[in-house]
Amino acid sequence: MSDINEPDLFNDDDLNFDDLQLEQFDESPQLDTPNPQRGLSFFKKIPVTVTLEVASTEISLGELMKAGEGSVIELDKLNGEPLDVKVNGSLMGHAEVVVINEKYGLRLIDVVDSPLNTMDN
């Protein structure tokens, strides 16, 4: 603490609320409505990661540590079953693998209900 007397920054008599118009604070701000011309086209340009998941399994860390070159880990899908197509980690549908111009691709077999299905084309 200081022994120096600091002057007050303002005096109570300096405050005057008579000219304050409270009506200006009662109005809620007006939000701009979205441009209907823009639609969802903006969102269609956002990049996403599409992944084709063959299968998976759960094993103990001990079993995984025993695995080495030539080890076989059994997965949870049968040969010929459709593979899971995921978009940013969320299931989009099922597909089969195809080869197009020497590269792997996928052919969608079905698409699960998701918000992606309702987007405008």
N, C-alpha and C. Protein backbone atom coordinates (compact mmCIF):
# COMPACT_ATOMS: atom_id res chain seq x y z
N MET A 1 0.82 -1.18 0.00
CA MET A 1 0.00 0.00 0.00
C MET A 1 0.86 1.24 0.00
N SER A 2 0.29 2.31 -0.46
CA SER A 2 1.01 3.56 -0.58
C SER A 2 0.37 4.60 0.31
N ASP A 3 1.21 5.47 0.90
CA ASP A 3 0.70 6.55 1.75
C ASP A 3 0.30 7.77 0.93
N ILE A 4 0.59 7.74 -0.36
CA ILE A 4 0.27 8.88 -1.21
C ILE A 4 -1.22 8.86 -1.50
N ASN A 5 -1.87 10.00 -1.36
CA ASN A 5 -3.30 10.09 -1.68
C ASN A 5 -3.46 10.24 -3.17
N GLU A 6 -4.11 9.24 -3.76
CA GLU A 6 -4.35 9.30 -5.19
C GLU A 6 -5.70 9.97 -5.42
N PRO A 7 -5.75 10.92 -6.32
CA PRO A 7 -7.03 11.58 -6.58
C PRO A 7 -7.98 10.61 -7.28
N ASP A 8 -9.28 10.75 -7.03
CA ASP A 8 -10.27 9.93 -7.71
C ASP A 8 -10.24 10.26 -9.19
N LEU A 9 -10.43 9.24 -10.01
CA LEU A 9 -10.43 9.45 -11.45
C LEU A 9 -11.68 10.20 -11.89
N PHE A 10 -12.78 10.00 -11.20
CA PHE A 10 -14.00 10.74 -11.51
C PHE A 10 -14.79 10.92 -10.22
N ASN A 11 -15.64 11.87 -10.26
CA ASN A 11 -16.46 12.20 -9.12
C ASN A 11 -17.87 11.71 -9.41
N ASP A 12 -18.58 11.27 -8.39
CA ASP A 12 -19.96 10.81 -8.58
C ASP A 12 -20.83 11.90 -9.20
N ASP A 13 -20.50 13.14 -8.93
CA ASP A 13 -21.30 14.24 -9.48
C ASP A 13 -21.09 14.39 -10.99
N ASP A 14 -19.98 13.82 -11.51
CA ASP A 14 -19.69 13.93 -12.93
C ASP A 14 -20.57 12.99 -13.76
N LEU A 15 -21.16 11.97 -13.12
CA LEU A 15 -21.97 11.01 -13.85
C LEU A 15 -23.37 11.56 -14.05
N ASN A 16 -23.84 11.55 -15.30
CA ASN A 16 -25.17 12.06 -15.61
C ASN A 16 -25.85 11.07 -16.55
N PHE A 17 -26.86 10.37 -16.04
CA PHE A 17 -27.57 9.38 -16.83
C PHE A 17 -28.86 9.92 -17.44
N ASP A 18 -29.12 11.19 -17.27
CA ASP A 18 -30.37 11.77 -17.77
C ASP A 18 -30.46 11.73 -19.29
N ASP A 19 -29.34 11.87 -19.99
CA ASP A 19 -29.36 11.91 -21.44
C ASP A 19 -29.25 10.52 -22.08
N LEU A 20 -29.09 9.49 -21.27
CA LEU A 20 -28.93 8.15 -21.78
C LEU A 20 -30.27 7.62 -22.29
N GLN A 21 -30.30 7.14 -23.51
CA GLN A 21 -31.52 6.60 -24.09
C GLN A 21 -31.44 5.08 -24.06
N LEU A 22 -32.19 4.47 -23.17
CA LEU A 22 -32.14 3.02 -23.00
C LEU A 22 -32.79 2.27 -24.14
N GLU A 23 -33.64 2.95 -24.91
CA GLU A 23 -34.32 2.27 -26.01
C GLU A 23 -33.32 1.68 -27.01
N GLN A 24 -32.19 2.34 -27.18
CA GLN A 24 -31.23 1.86 -28.17
C GLN A 24 -30.64 0.51 -27.78
N PHE A 25 -30.71 0.15 -26.51
CA PHE A 25 -30.17 -1.12 -26.05
C PHE A 25 -31.21 -2.23 -26.10
N ASP A 26 -32.47 -1.89 -26.26
CA ASP A 26 -33.53 -2.89 -26.29
C ASP A 26 -33.63 -3.60 -27.62
N GLU A 27 -33.13 -2.99 -28.67
CA GLU A 27 -33.25 -3.59 -29.99
C GLU A 27 -32.27 -4.75 -30.14
N SER A 28 -32.77 -5.86 -30.66
CA SER A 28 -31.86 -6.98 -30.90
C SER A 28 -31.17 -6.74 -32.23
N PRO A 29 -29.92 -7.16 -32.33
CA PRO A 29 -29.19 -6.92 -33.57
C PRO A 29 -29.82 -7.71 -34.72
N GLN A 30 -29.82 -7.13 -35.89
CA GLN A 30 -30.36 -7.78 -37.07
C GLN A 30 -29.26 -8.59 -37.74
N LEU A 31 -29.49 -9.89 -37.85
CA LEU A 31 -28.51 -10.75 -38.51
C LEU A 31 -28.82 -10.80 -39.99
N ASP A 32 -27.79 -10.78 -40.79
CA ASP A 32 -27.98 -10.87 -42.23
C ASP A 32 -28.49 -12.26 -42.57
N THR A 33 -29.47 -12.34 -43.43
CA THR A 33 -29.96 -13.64 -43.87
C THR A 33 -29.01 -14.17 -44.92
N PRO A 34 -28.83 -15.51 -44.94
CA PRO A 34 -27.89 -16.07 -45.90
C PRO A 34 -28.36 -15.82 -47.33
N ASN A 35 -27.40 -15.70 -48.20
CA ASN A 35 -27.68 -15.46 -49.60
C ASN A 35 -28.18 -16.76 -50.23
N PRO A 36 -29.45 -16.80 -50.67
CA PRO A 36 -29.97 -18.05 -51.24
C PRO A 36 -29.26 -18.46 -52.53
N GLN A 37 -28.67 -17.49 -53.23
CA GLN A 37 -27.95 -17.81 -54.45
C GLN A 37 -26.70 -18.63 -54.15
N ARG A 38 -26.12 -18.38 -52.99
CA ARG A 38 -24.88 -19.06 -52.63
C ARG A 38 -25.14 -20.52 -52.33
N GLY A 39 -26.23 -20.84 -51.65
CA GLY A 39 -26.59 -22.22 -51.35
C GLY A 39 -25.47 -22.95 -50.64
N LEU A 40 -25.30 -24.19 -51.02
CA LEU A 40 -24.27 -25.03 -50.41
C LEU A 40 -23.00 -25.10 -51.25
N SER A 41 -22.92 -24.33 -52.32
CA SER A 41 -21.77 -24.42 -53.21
C SER A 41 -20.46 -24.11 -52.48
N PHE A 42 -20.51 -23.24 -51.49
CA PHE A 42 -19.31 -22.93 -50.72
C PHE A 42 -18.78 -24.18 -50.03
N PHE A 43 -19.68 -24.96 -49.44
CA PHE A 43 -19.27 -26.15 -48.68
C PHE A 43 -18.81 -27.28 -49.58
N LYS A 44 -19.27 -27.28 -50.81
CA LYS A 44 -18.88 -28.35 -51.73
C LYS A 44 -17.41 -28.28 -52.10
N LYS A 45 -16.76 -27.17 -51.82
CA LYS A 45 -15.34 -27.01 -52.16
C LYS A 45 -14.41 -27.42 -51.01
N ILE A 46 -14.96 -27.76 -49.85
CA ILE A 46 -14.14 -28.13 -48.70
C ILE A 46 -13.60 -29.55 -48.91
N PRO A 47 -12.29 -29.74 -48.83
CA PRO A 47 -11.73 -31.07 -49.04
C PRO A 47 -12.01 -32.00 -47.86
N VAL A 48 -12.27 -33.28 -48.16
CA VAL A 48 -12.46 -34.30 -47.15
C VAL A 48 -11.60 -35.50 -47.50
N THR A 49 -11.38 -36.38 -46.55
CA THR A 49 -10.60 -37.58 -46.79
C THR A 49 -11.53 -38.78 -46.89
N VAL A 50 -11.48 -39.47 -48.03
CA VAL A 50 -12.28 -40.67 -48.24
C VAL A 50 -11.37 -41.87 -48.04
N THR A 51 -11.81 -42.81 -47.20
CA THR A 51 -11.02 -43.98 -46.87
C THR A 51 -11.83 -45.24 -47.15
N LEU A 52 -11.20 -46.24 -47.74
CA LEU A 52 -11.83 -47.54 -47.95
C LEU A 52 -11.23 -48.49 -46.94
N GLU A 53 -12.05 -48.94 -46.00
CA GLU A 53 -11.57 -49.78 -44.91
C GLU A 53 -11.87 -51.24 -45.23
N VAL A 54 -10.83 -52.05 -45.32
CA VAL A 54 -10.99 -53.47 -45.65
C VAL A 54 -11.67 -54.20 -44.50
N ALA A 55 -11.11 -54.14 -43.33
CA ALA A 55 -11.65 -54.83 -42.16
C ALA A 55 -10.87 -54.40 -40.95
N SER A 56 -11.27 -54.90 -39.79
CA SER A 56 -10.53 -54.58 -38.56
C SER A 56 -10.69 -55.73 -37.58
N THR A 57 -9.97 -55.65 -36.50
CA THR A 57 -10.10 -56.63 -35.42
C THR A 57 -9.56 -56.02 -34.15
N GLU A 58 -9.91 -56.61 -33.04
CA GLU A 58 -9.38 -56.17 -31.75
C GLU A 58 -8.56 -57.30 -31.18
N ILE A 59 -7.29 -57.00 -30.88
CA ILE A 59 -6.42 -57.98 -30.25
C ILE A 59 -5.70 -57.30 -29.09
N SER A 60 -5.14 -58.11 -28.23
CA SER A 60 -4.42 -57.54 -27.09
C SER A 60 -3.07 -57.01 -27.55
N LEU A 61 -2.53 -56.11 -26.80
CA LEU A 61 -1.22 -55.55 -27.11
C LEU A 61 -0.16 -56.65 -27.06
N GLY A 62 -0.33 -57.59 -26.15
CA GLY A 62 0.61 -58.72 -26.05
C GLY A 62 0.64 -59.54 -27.32
N GLU A 63 -0.56 -59.83 -27.89
CA GLU A 63 -0.64 -60.58 -29.14
C GLU A 63 0.02 -59.80 -30.28
N LEU A 64 -0.22 -58.50 -30.31
CA LEU A 64 0.35 -57.67 -31.36
C LEU A 64 1.87 -57.63 -31.25
N MET A 65 2.39 -57.62 -30.02
CA MET A 65 3.85 -57.59 -29.82
C MET A 65 4.50 -58.89 -30.26
N LYS A 66 3.75 -60.00 -30.22
CA LYS A 66 4.28 -61.29 -30.66
C LYS A 66 4.32 -61.40 -32.19
N ALA A 67 3.52 -60.57 -32.88
CA ALA A 67 3.44 -60.65 -34.34
C ALA A 67 4.76 -60.22 -34.96
N GLY A 68 5.12 -60.91 -35.99
CA GLY A 68 6.35 -60.58 -36.71
C GLY A 68 6.14 -60.83 -38.19
N GLU A 69 7.21 -60.74 -38.94
CA GLU A 69 7.14 -60.96 -40.38
C GLU A 69 6.54 -62.33 -40.66
N GLY A 70 5.52 -62.37 -41.50
CA GLY A 70 4.86 -63.63 -41.85
C GLY A 70 3.68 -63.98 -40.95
N SER A 71 3.49 -63.24 -39.87
CA SER A 71 2.35 -63.50 -38.98
C SER A 71 1.05 -63.13 -39.69
N VAL A 72 -0.02 -63.83 -39.35
CA VAL A 72 -1.33 -63.56 -39.92
C VAL A 72 -2.26 -63.15 -38.79
N ILE A 73 -2.92 -62.03 -38.98
CA ILE A 73 -3.92 -61.54 -38.01
C ILE A 73 -5.28 -61.62 -38.70
N GLU A 74 -6.19 -62.40 -38.12
CA GLU A 74 -7.51 -62.58 -38.72
C GLU A 74 -8.36 -61.33 -38.53
N LEU A 75 -9.02 -60.91 -39.59
CA LEU A 75 -9.87 -59.72 -39.55
C LEU A 75 -11.35 -60.12 -39.48
N ASP A 76 -12.22 -59.13 -39.28
CA ASP A 76 -13.63 -59.41 -39.00
C ASP A 76 -14.54 -59.47 -40.23
N LYS A 77 -14.02 -59.41 -41.44
CA LYS A 77 -14.86 -59.49 -42.65
C LYS A 77 -14.51 -60.72 -43.45
N LEU A 78 -15.51 -61.24 -44.14
CA LEU A 78 -15.31 -62.39 -45.01
C LEU A 78 -14.89 -61.94 -46.40
N ASN A 79 -14.23 -62.80 -47.11
CA ASN A 79 -13.84 -62.52 -48.48
C ASN A 79 -15.10 -62.24 -49.31
N GLY A 80 -15.09 -61.16 -50.09
CA GLY A 80 -16.22 -60.83 -50.94
C GLY A 80 -17.22 -59.88 -50.30
N GLU A 81 -17.10 -59.64 -49.02
CA GLU A 81 -18.02 -58.70 -48.36
C GLU A 81 -17.69 -57.28 -48.80
N PRO A 82 -18.73 -56.42 -48.91
CA PRO A 82 -18.46 -55.02 -49.25
C PRO A 82 -17.57 -54.36 -48.19
N LEU A 83 -16.77 -53.42 -48.64
CA LEU A 83 -15.85 -52.71 -47.75
C LEU A 83 -16.50 -51.41 -47.29
N ASP A 84 -16.08 -50.91 -46.13
CA ASP A 84 -16.64 -49.67 -45.57
C ASP A 84 -15.98 -48.45 -46.21
N VAL A 85 -16.80 -47.51 -46.67
CA VAL A 85 -16.30 -46.23 -47.18
C VAL A 85 -16.53 -45.21 -46.09
N LYS A 86 -15.46 -44.55 -45.67
CA LYS A 86 -15.56 -43.56 -44.60
C LYS A 86 -15.12 -42.20 -45.13
N VAL A 87 -15.82 -41.15 -44.69
CA VAL A 87 -15.46 -39.78 -45.01
C VAL A 87 -15.08 -39.10 -43.71
N ASN A 88 -13.83 -38.69 -43.61
CA ASN A 88 -13.29 -38.11 -42.38
C ASN A 88 -13.61 -38.98 -41.16
N GLY A 89 -13.55 -40.31 -41.34
CA GLY A 89 -13.73 -41.24 -40.24
C GLY A 89 -15.17 -41.67 -40.00
N SER A 90 -16.15 -41.07 -40.67
CA SER A 90 -17.56 -41.44 -40.48
C SER A 90 -18.02 -42.30 -41.65
N LEU A 91 -18.77 -43.36 -41.34
CA LEU A 91 -19.25 -44.28 -42.36
C LEU A 91 -20.16 -43.57 -43.36
N MET A 92 -19.82 -43.67 -44.64
CA MET A 92 -20.64 -43.09 -45.71
C MET A 92 -21.44 -44.17 -46.43
N GLY A 93 -20.84 -45.35 -46.58
CA GLY A 93 -21.51 -46.44 -47.29
C GLY A 93 -20.59 -47.63 -47.46
N HIS A 94 -20.91 -48.44 -48.46
CA HIS A 94 -20.12 -49.65 -48.72
C HIS A 94 -19.75 -49.70 -50.19
N ALA A 95 -18.62 -50.33 -50.49
CA ALA A 95 -18.12 -50.35 -51.86
C ALA A 95 -17.31 -51.60 -52.12
N GLU A 96 -16.96 -51.77 -53.39
CA GLU A 96 -16.05 -52.82 -53.80
C GLU A 96 -14.87 -52.17 -54.50
N VAL A 97 -13.73 -52.85 -54.50
CA VAL A 97 -12.52 -52.32 -55.11
C VAL A 97 -12.56 -52.56 -56.61
N VAL A 98 -12.14 -51.54 -57.37
CA VAL A 98 -11.99 -51.66 -58.82
C VAL A 98 -10.62 -51.11 -59.19
N VAL A 99 -10.15 -51.46 -60.38
CA VAL A 99 -8.88 -50.93 -60.88
C VAL A 99 -9.20 -50.08 -62.11
N ILE A 100 -8.75 -48.82 -62.07
CA ILE A 100 -8.99 -47.88 -63.17
C ILE A 100 -7.65 -47.28 -63.56
N ASN A 101 -7.23 -47.50 -64.82
CA ASN A 101 -5.95 -46.96 -65.29
C ASN A 101 -4.80 -47.31 -64.36
N GLU A 102 -4.73 -48.57 -63.97
CA GLU A 102 -3.65 -49.07 -63.12
C GLU A 102 -3.69 -48.53 -61.69
N LYS A 103 -4.77 -47.86 -61.31
CA LYS A 103 -4.90 -47.36 -59.95
C LYS A 103 -6.14 -47.97 -59.30
N TYR A 104 -6.07 -48.14 -57.98
CA TYR A 104 -7.24 -48.64 -57.26
C TYR A 104 -8.31 -47.57 -57.21
N GLY A 105 -9.54 -48.01 -57.25
CA GLY A 105 -10.69 -47.12 -57.09
C GLY A 105 -11.76 -47.87 -56.31
N LEU A 106 -12.91 -47.25 -56.17
CA LEU A 106 -14.01 -47.94 -55.49
C LEU A 106 -15.31 -47.70 -56.23
N ARG A 107 -16.15 -48.71 -56.20
CA ARG A 107 -17.49 -48.61 -56.78
C ARG A 107 -18.48 -48.68 -55.62
N LEU A 108 -19.23 -47.60 -55.43
CA LEU A 108 -20.19 -47.56 -54.33
C LEU A 108 -21.31 -48.57 -54.56
N ILE A 109 -21.57 -49.36 -53.54
CA ILE A 109 -22.66 -50.33 -53.59
C ILE A 109 -23.90 -49.74 -52.92
N ASP A 110 -23.71 -49.11 -51.79
CA ASP A 110 -24.81 -48.42 -51.12
C ASP A 110 -24.26 -47.27 -50.31
N VAL A 111 -25.13 -46.31 -50.05
CA VAL A 111 -24.77 -45.13 -49.25
C VAL A 111 -25.71 -45.10 -48.07
N VAL A 112 -25.14 -45.01 -46.87
CA VAL A 112 -25.97 -44.97 -45.66
C VAL A 112 -26.58 -43.59 -45.51
N ASP A 113 -27.66 -43.50 -44.75
CA ASP A 113 -28.31 -42.20 -44.51
C ASP A 113 -27.33 -41.27 -43.80
N SER A 114 -27.10 -40.14 -44.41
CA SER A 114 -26.20 -39.16 -43.81
C SER A 114 -26.56 -37.79 -44.36
N PRO A 115 -26.10 -36.73 -43.69
CA PRO A 115 -26.35 -35.38 -44.20
C PRO A 115 -25.76 -35.15 -45.59
N LEU A 116 -24.75 -35.94 -45.98
CA LEU A 116 -24.16 -35.79 -47.30
C LEU A 116 -25.18 -36.08 -48.40
N ASN A 117 -26.12 -36.98 -48.13
CA ASN A 117 -27.12 -37.34 -49.14
C ASN A 117 -28.09 -36.22 -49.44
N THR A 118 -28.28 -35.30 -48.50
CA THR A 118 -29.29 -34.26 -48.67
C THR A 118 -28.73 -32.99 -49.26
N MET A 119 -27.43 -32.93 -49.55
CA MET A 119 -26.84 -31.74 -50.13
C MET A 119 -27.31 -31.53 -51.55
N ASP A 120 -27.47 -30.27 -51.94
CA ASP A 120 -27.86 -29.94 -53.32
C ASP A 120 -26.77 -30.35 -54.27
N ASN A 121 -27.15 -30.77 -55.47
CA ASN A 121 -26.15 -31.13 -56.48
C ASN A 121 -25.71 -29.93 -57.25
